[in-house]
PDB file of N, CA and C in Angstrom:
ATOM      1  N   MET A   1     -21.998 -43.722 -81.821  1.00  0.00           N
ATOM      2  CA  MET A   1     -21.962 -43.491 -80.396  1.00  0.00           C
ATOM      3  C   MET A   1     -21.541 -42.044 -80.138  1.00  0.00           C
ATOM      4  N   THR A   2     -22.270 -41.385 -79.270  1.00  0.00           N
ATOM      5  CA  THR A   2     -21.943 -40.016 -78.913  1.00  0.00           C
ATOM      6  C   THR A   2     -20.851 -40.016 -77.855  1.00  0.00           C
ATOM      7  N   LYS A   3     -19.835 -39.212 -78.086  1.00  0.00           N
ATOM      8  CA  LYS A   3     -18.689 -39.155 -77.176  1.00  0.00           C
ATOM      9  C   LYS A   3     -18.884 -38.064 -76.123  1.00  0.00           C
ATOM     10  N   LEU A   4     -18.185 -38.224 -74.996  1.00  0.00           N
ATOM     11  CA  LEU A   4     -18.256 -37.267 -73.897  1.00  0.00           C
ATOM     12  C   LEU A   4     -17.971 -35.846 -74.379  1.00  0.00           C
ATOM     13  N   LYS A   5     -16.984 -35.690 -75.238  1.00  0.00           N
ATOM     14  CA  LYS A   5     -16.627 -34.363 -75.742  1.00  0.00           C
ATOM     15  C   LYS A   5     -17.791 -33.742 -76.502  1.00  0.00           C
ATOM     16  N   ASP A   6     -18.469 -34.522 -77.350  1.00  0.00           N
ATOM     17  CA  ASP A   6     -19.614 -34.021 -78.114  1.00  0.00           C
ATOM     18  C   ASP A   6     -20.766 -33.628 -77.193  1.00  0.00           C
ATOM     19  N   ILE A   7     -21.037 -34.469 -76.200  1.00  0.00           N
ATOM     20  CA  ILE A   7     -22.112 -34.186 -75.246  1.00  0.00           C
ATOM     21  C   ILE A   7     -21.803 -32.889 -74.494  1.00  0.00           C
ATOM     22  N   THR A   8     -20.555 -32.733 -74.081  1.00  0.00           N
ATOM     23  CA  THR A   8     -20.141 -31.553 -73.325  1.00  0.00           C
ATOM     24  C   THR A   8     -20.251 -30.293 -74.169  1.00  0.00           C
ATOM     25  N   VAL A   9     -19.763 -30.332 -75.401  1.00  0.00           N
ATOM     26  CA  VAL A   9     -19.848 -29.174 -76.290  1.00  0.00           C
ATOM     27  C   VAL A   9     -21.309 -28.787 -76.510  1.00  0.00           C
ATOM     28  N   ASN A  10     -22.159 -29.754 -76.783  1.00  0.00           N
ATOM     29  CA  ASN A  10     -23.581 -29.467 -77.001  1.00  0.00           C
ATOM     30  C   ASN A  10     -24.215 -28.841 -75.767  1.00  0.00           C
ATOM     31  N   PHE A  11     -23.905 -29.358 -74.589  1.00  0.00           N
ATOM     32  CA  PHE A  11     -24.441 -28.800 -73.348  1.00  0.00           C
ATOM     33  C   PHE A  11     -23.985 -27.357 -73.169  1.00  0.00           C
ATOM     34  N   LEU A  12     -22.676 -27.118 -73.343  1.00  0.00           N
ATOM     35  CA  LEU A  12     -22.142 -25.775 -73.151  1.00  0.00           C
ATOM     36  C   LEU A  12     -22.789 -24.777 -74.109  1.00  0.00           C
ATOM     37  N   PHE A  13     -22.883 -25.125 -75.395  1.00  0.00           N
ATOM     38  CA  PHE A  13     -23.517 -24.239 -76.375  1.00  0.00           C
ATOM     39  C   PHE A  13     -24.993 -24.005 -76.035  1.00  0.00           C
ATOM     40  N   ASP A  14     -25.711 -25.070 -75.684  1.00  0.00           N
ATOM     41  CA  ASP A  14     -27.142 -24.956 -75.366  1.00  0.00           C
ATOM     42  C   ASP A  14     -27.393 -24.040 -74.179  1.00  0.00           C
ATOM     43  N   LYS A  15     -26.490 -24.038 -73.213  1.00  0.00           N
ATOM     44  CA  LYS A  15     -26.660 -23.231 -71.997  1.00  0.00           C
ATOM     45  C   LYS A  15     -25.999 -21.857 -72.097  1.00  0.00           C
ATOM     46  N   GLY A  16     -25.335 -21.580 -73.219  1.00  0.00           N
ATOM     47  CA  GLY A  16     -24.738 -20.267 -73.427  1.00  0.00           C
ATOM     48  C   GLY A  16     -23.346 -20.084 -72.841  1.00  0.00           C
ATOM     49  N   PHE A  17     -22.690 -21.166 -72.458  1.00  0.00           N
ATOM     50  CA  PHE A  17     -21.331 -21.088 -71.924  1.00  0.00           C
ATOM     51  C   PHE A  17     -20.314 -21.053 -73.068  1.00  0.00           C
ATOM     52  N   ASP A  18     -19.130 -20.522 -72.768  1.00  0.00           N
ATOM     53  CA  ASP A  18     -18.066 -20.415 -73.766  1.00  0.00           C
ATOM     54  C   ASP A  18     -17.041 -21.531 -73.686  1.00  0.00           C
ATOM     55  N   GLY A  19     -16.962 -22.206 -72.543  1.00  0.00           N
ATOM     56  CA  GLY A  19     -15.969 -23.263 -72.389  1.00  0.00           C
ATOM     57  C   GLY A  19     -15.919 -23.792 -70.967  1.00  0.00           C
ATOM     58  N   LEU A  20     -14.790 -24.423 -70.658  1.00  0.00           N
ATOM     59  CA  LEU A  20     -14.555 -24.995 -69.336  1.00  0.00           C
ATOM     60  C   LEU A  20     -13.349 -24.326 -68.690  1.00  0.00           C
ATOM     61  N   PHE A  21     -13.314 -24.330 -67.359  1.00  0.00           N
ATOM     62  CA  PHE A  21     -12.133 -23.842 -66.646  1.00  0.00           C
ATOM     63  C   PHE A  21     -11.949 -24.634 -65.368  1.00  0.00           C
ATOM     64  N   ASN A  22     -10.703 -24.666 -64.927  1.00  0.00           N
ATOM     65  CA  ASN A  22     -10.341 -25.321 -63.675  1.00  0.00           C
ATOM     66  C   ASN A  22      -9.513 -24.326 -62.873  1.00  0.00           C
ATOM     67  N   PRO A  23     -10.126 -23.668 -61.890  1.00  0.00           N
ATOM     68  CA  PRO A  23      -9.396 -22.631 -61.143  1.00  0.00           C
ATOM     69  C   PRO A  23      -8.227 -23.168 -60.329  1.00  0.00           C
ATOM     70  N   ASP A  24      -8.268 -24.434 -59.969  1.00  0.00           N
ATOM     71  CA  ASP A  24      -7.180 -25.014 -59.185  1.00  0.00           C
ATOM     72  C   ASP A  24      -5.917 -25.218 -60.011  1.00  0.00           C
ATOM     73  N   GLN A  25      -6.069 -25.370 -61.325  1.00  0.00           N
ATOM     74  CA  GLN A  25      -4.920 -25.602 -62.196  1.00  0.00           C
ATOM     75  C   GLN A  25      -4.678 -24.460 -63.165  1.00  0.00           C
ATOM     76  N   HIS A  26      -5.421 -23.351 -63.029  1.00  0.00           N
ATOM     77  CA  HIS A  26      -5.299 -22.206 -63.932  1.00  0.00           C
ATOM     78  C   HIS A  26      -5.376 -22.663 -65.388  1.00  0.00           C
ATOM     79  N   CYS A  27      -6.381 -23.467 -65.665  1.00  0.00           N
ATOM     80  CA  CYS A  27      -6.573 -24.084 -66.970  1.00  0.00           C
ATOM     81  C   CYS A  27      -7.928 -23.662 -67.520  1.00  0.00           C
ATOM     82  N   ALA A  28      -7.988 -23.415 -68.827  1.00  0.00           N
ATOM     83  CA  ALA A  28      -9.258 -23.059 -69.467  1.00  0.00           C
ATOM     84  C   ALA A  28      -9.224 -23.472 -70.932  1.00  0.00           C
ATOM     85  N   CYS A  29     -10.386 -23.828 -71.454  1.00  0.00           N
ATOM     86  CA  CYS A  29     -10.482 -24.154 -72.882  1.00  0.00           C
ATOM     87  C   CYS A  29     -11.841 -23.712 -73.407  1.00  0.00           C
ATOM     88  N   LEU A  30     -11.846 -23.291 -74.658  1.00  0.00           N
ATOM     89  CA  LEU A  30     -13.068 -22.843 -75.322  1.00  0.00           C
ATOM     90  C   LEU A  30     -13.793 -24.021 -75.963  1.00  0.00           C
ATOM     91  N   CYS A  31     -15.071 -23.855 -76.202  1.00  0.00           N
ATOM     92  CA  CYS A  31     -15.861 -24.902 -76.869  1.00  0.00           C
ATOM     93  C   CYS A  31     -15.276 -25.266 -78.228  1.00  0.00           C
ATOM     94  N   THR A  32     -14.664 -24.295 -78.897  1.00  0.00           N
ATOM     95  CA  THR A  32     -14.099 -24.533 -80.228  1.00  0.00           C
ATOM     96  C   THR A  32     -12.818 -25.353 -80.189  1.00  0.00           C
ATOM     97  N   ASN A  33     -12.218 -25.494 -79.000  1.00  0.00           N
ATOM     98  CA  ASN A  33     -11.007 -26.311 -78.829  1.00  0.00           C
ATOM     99  C   ASN A  33     -11.089 -26.984 -77.456  1.00  0.00           C
ATOM    100  N   LEU A  34     -12.158 -27.715 -77.260  1.00  0.00           N
ATOM    101  CA  LEU A  34     -12.442 -28.278 -75.945  1.00  0.00           C
ATOM    102  C   LEU A  34     -11.551 -29.466 -75.635  1.00  0.00           C
ATOM    103  N   MET A  35     -11.097 -29.499 -74.410  1.00  0.00           N
ATOM    104  CA  MET A  35     -10.322 -30.601 -73.850  1.00  0.00           C
ATOM    105  C   MET A  35      -9.030 -30.906 -74.618  1.00  0.00           C
ATOM    106  N   PRO A  36      -8.184 -29.895 -74.871  1.00  0.00           N
ATOM    107  CA  PRO A  36      -6.911 -30.197 -75.519  1.00  0.00           C
ATOM    108  C   PRO A  36      -6.017 -31.063 -74.625  1.00  0.00           C
ATOM    109  N   CYS A  37      -6.399 -31.163 -73.362  1.00  0.00           N
ATOM    110  CA  CYS A  37      -5.654 -31.995 -72.411  1.00  0.00           C
ATOM    111  C   CYS A  37      -6.064 -33.462 -72.527  1.00  0.00           C
ATOM    112  N   ASN A  38      -6.962 -33.771 -73.463  1.00  0.00           N
ATOM    113  CA  ASN A  38      -7.449 -35.133 -73.720  1.00  0.00           C
ATOM    114  C   ASN A  38      -8.336 -35.681 -72.618  1.00  0.00           C
ATOM    115  N   GLY A  39      -8.941 -34.830 -71.864  1.00  0.00           N
ATOM    116  CA  GLY A  39      -9.902 -35.288 -70.875  1.00  0.00           C
ATOM    117  C   GLY A  39     -10.175 -34.250 -69.824  1.00  0.00           C
ATOM    118  N   PRO A  40     -11.433 -34.095 -69.456  1.00  0.00           N
ATOM    119  CA  PRO A  40     -11.752 -33.109 -68.435  1.00  0.00           C
ATOM    120  C   PRO A  40     -11.413 -33.634 -67.040  1.00  0.00           C
ATOM    121  N   SER A  41     -11.158 -32.719 -66.160  1.00  0.00           N
ATOM    122  CA  SER A  41     -10.960 -33.044 -64.753  1.00  0.00           C
ATOM    123  C   SER A  41     -12.311 -32.968 -64.054  1.00  0.00           C
ATOM    124  N   GLU A  42     -12.437 -33.640 -62.948  1.00  0.00           N
ATOM    125  CA  GLU A  42     -13.659 -33.518 -62.150  1.00  0.00           C
ATOM    126  C   GLU A  42     -13.810 -32.100 -61.613  1.00  0.00           C
ATOM    127  N   GLN A  43     -12.744 -31.324 -61.632  1.00  0.00           N
ATOM    128  CA  GLN A  43     -12.754 -29.955 -61.127  1.00  0.00           C
ATOM    129  C   GLN A  43     -13.140 -28.927 -62.190  1.00  0.00           C
ATOM    130  N   CYS A  44     -13.301 -29.338 -63.444  1.00  0.00           N
ATOM    131  CA  CYS A  44     -13.675 -28.408 -64.509  1.00  0.00           C
ATOM    132  C   CYS A  44     -15.104 -27.914 -64.311  1.00  0.00           C
ATOM    133  N   SER A  45     -15.297 -26.634 -64.593  1.00  0.00           N
ATOM    134  CA  SER A  45     -16.618 -26.013 -64.506  1.00  0.00           C
ATOM    135  C   SER A  45     -16.919 -25.283 -65.801  1.00  0.00           C
ATOM    136  N   ALA A  46     -18.193 -25.166 -66.107  1.00  0.00           N
ATOM    137  CA  ALA A  46     -18.620 -24.375 -67.258  1.00  0.00           C
ATOM    138  C   ALA A  46     -18.443 -22.903 -66.926  1.00  0.00           C
ATOM    139  N   GLY A  47     -18.072 -22.108 -67.939  1.00  0.00           N
ATOM    140  CA  GLY A  47     -17.882 -20.691 -67.675  1.00  0.00           C
ATOM    141  C   GLY A  47     -17.980 -19.834 -68.917  1.00  0.00           C
ATOM    142  N   TYR A  48     -17.749 -18.553 -68.708  1.00  0.00           N
ATOM    143  CA  TYR A  48     -17.866 -17.542 -69.757  1.00  0.00           C
ATOM    144  C   TYR A  48     -16.503 -16.938 -70.061  1.00  0.00           C
ATOM    145  N   LYS A  49     -16.278 -16.639 -71.317  1.00  0.00           N
ATOM    146  CA  LYS A  49     -15.009 -16.067 -71.779  1.00  0.00           C
ATOM    147  C   LYS A  49     -14.973 -14.569 -71.507  1.00  0.00           C
ATOM    148  N   THR A  50     -13.823 -14.098 -71.045  1.00  0.00           N
ATOM    149  CA  THR A  50     -13.551 -12.675 -70.887  1.00  0.00           C
ATOM    150  C   THR A  50     -12.210 -12.393 -71.542  1.00  0.00           C
ATOM    151  N   GLU A  51     -12.206 -11.434 -72.471  1.00  0.00           N
ATOM    152  CA  GLU A  51     -10.954 -11.025 -73.120  1.00  0.00           C
ATOM    153  C   GLU A  51     -10.095 -10.282 -72.112  1.00  0.00           C
ATOM    154  N   ILE A  52      -8.789 -10.556 -72.125  1.00  0.00           N
ATOM    155  CA  ILE A  52      -7.889  -9.884 -71.192  1.00  0.00           C
ATOM    156  C   ILE A  52      -7.155  -8.740 -71.875  1.00  0.00           C
ATOM    157  N   ASP A  53      -6.508  -9.005 -73.006  1.00  0.00           N
ATOM    158  CA  ASP A  53      -5.716  -7.963 -73.656  1.00  0.00           C
ATOM    159  C   ASP A  53      -5.771  -8.039 -75.178  1.00  0.00           C
ATOM    160  N   GLY A  54      -6.782  -8.672 -75.702  1.00  0.00           N
ATOM    161  CA  GLY A  54      -6.908  -8.807 -77.140  1.00  0.00           C
ATOM    162  C   GLY A  54      -6.291 -10.081 -77.693  1.00  0.00           C
ATOM    163  N   THR A  55      -5.338 -10.655 -76.966  1.00  0.00           N
ATOM    164  CA  THR A  55      -4.730 -11.910 -77.404  1.00  0.00           C
ATOM    165  C   THR A  55      -4.920 -13.020 -76.379  1.00  0.00           C
ATOM    166  N   SER A  56      -5.270 -12.650 -75.159  1.00  0.00           N
ATOM    167  CA  SER A  56      -5.457 -13.629 -74.092  1.00  0.00           C
ATOM    168  C   SER A  56      -6.901 -13.587 -73.596  1.00  0.00           C
ATOM    169  N   PHE A  57      -7.306 -14.648 -72.958  1.00  0.00           N
ATOM    170  CA  PHE A  57      -8.644 -14.699 -72.393  1.00  0.00           C
ATOM    171  C   PHE A  57      -8.618 -15.518 -71.113  1.00  0.00           C
ATOM    172  N   LYS A  58      -9.689 -15.380 -70.343  1.00  0.00           N
ATOM    173  CA  LYS A  58      -9.899 -16.260 -69.201  1.00  0.00           C
ATOM    174  C   LYS A  58     -11.341 -16.736 -69.271  1.00  0.00           C
ATOM    175  N   ILE A  59     -11.615 -17.830 -68.614  1.00  0.00           N
ATOM    176  CA  ILE A  59     -12.971 -18.329 -68.493  1.00  0.00           C
ATOM    177  C   ILE A  59     -13.270 -18.426 -67.011  1.00  0.00           C
ATOM    178  N   SER A  60     -14.428 -17.904 -66.626  1.00  0.00           N
ATOM    179  CA  SER A  60     -14.811 -17.905 -65.226  1.00  0.00           C
ATOM    180  C   SER A  60     -16.331 -17.940 -65.118  1.00  0.00           C
ATOM    181  N   LEU A  61     -16.820 -17.924 -63.899  1.00  0.00           N
ATOM    182  CA  LEU A  61     -18.270 -17.909 -63.668  1.00  0.00           C
ATOM    183  C   LEU A  61     -18.875 -16.544 -63.959  1.00  0.00           C
ATOM    184  N   GLU A  62     -18.018 -15.521 -64.041  1.00  0.00           N
ATOM    185  CA  GLU A  62     -18.476 -14.148 -64.294  1.00  0.00           C
ATOM    186  C   GLU A  62     -18.676 -13.924 -65.783  1.00  0.00           C
ATOM    187  N   LYS A  63     -19.869 -13.490 -66.154  1.00  0.00           N
ATOM    188  CA  LYS A  63     -20.153 -13.205 -67.560  1.00  0.00           C
ATOM    189  C   LYS A  63     -19.758 -11.760 -67.871  1.00  0.00           C
ATOM    190  N   ASP A  64     -18.991 -11.568 -68.947  1.00  0.00           N
ATOM    191  CA  ASP A  64     -18.551 -10.252 -69.374  1.00  0.00           C
ATOM    192  C   ASP A  64     -19.702  -9.587 -70.108  1.00  0.00           C
ATOM    193  N   ASN A  65     -20.241  -8.526 -69.556  1.00  0.00           N
ATOM    194  CA  ASN A  65     -21.363  -7.838 -70.184  1.00  0.00           C
ATOM    195  C   ASN A  65     -20.920  -6.645 -70.997  1.00  0.00           C
ATOM    196  N   GLY A  66     -19.631  -6.558 -71.250  1.00  0.00           N
ATOM    197  CA  GLY A  66     -19.082  -5.420 -71.987  1.00  0.00           C
ATOM    198  C   GLY A  66     -19.166  -5.650 -73.410  1.00  0.00           C
TER     199      GLY A  66
END
């Protein structure tokens, strides 16, 4: 049986997204460590990773073209 997490990871990779984010909770996770909270919120959206300072990142609708 295919699990929600597997379906979500496959969708995100297929569409070129880096992970999920929830702007209301300042929460984000990468495809490589998806849903560490043990379940997505209905408010989670697909997004793109942007490096902040070399050790931190954010995920948003804005794609980093740098």
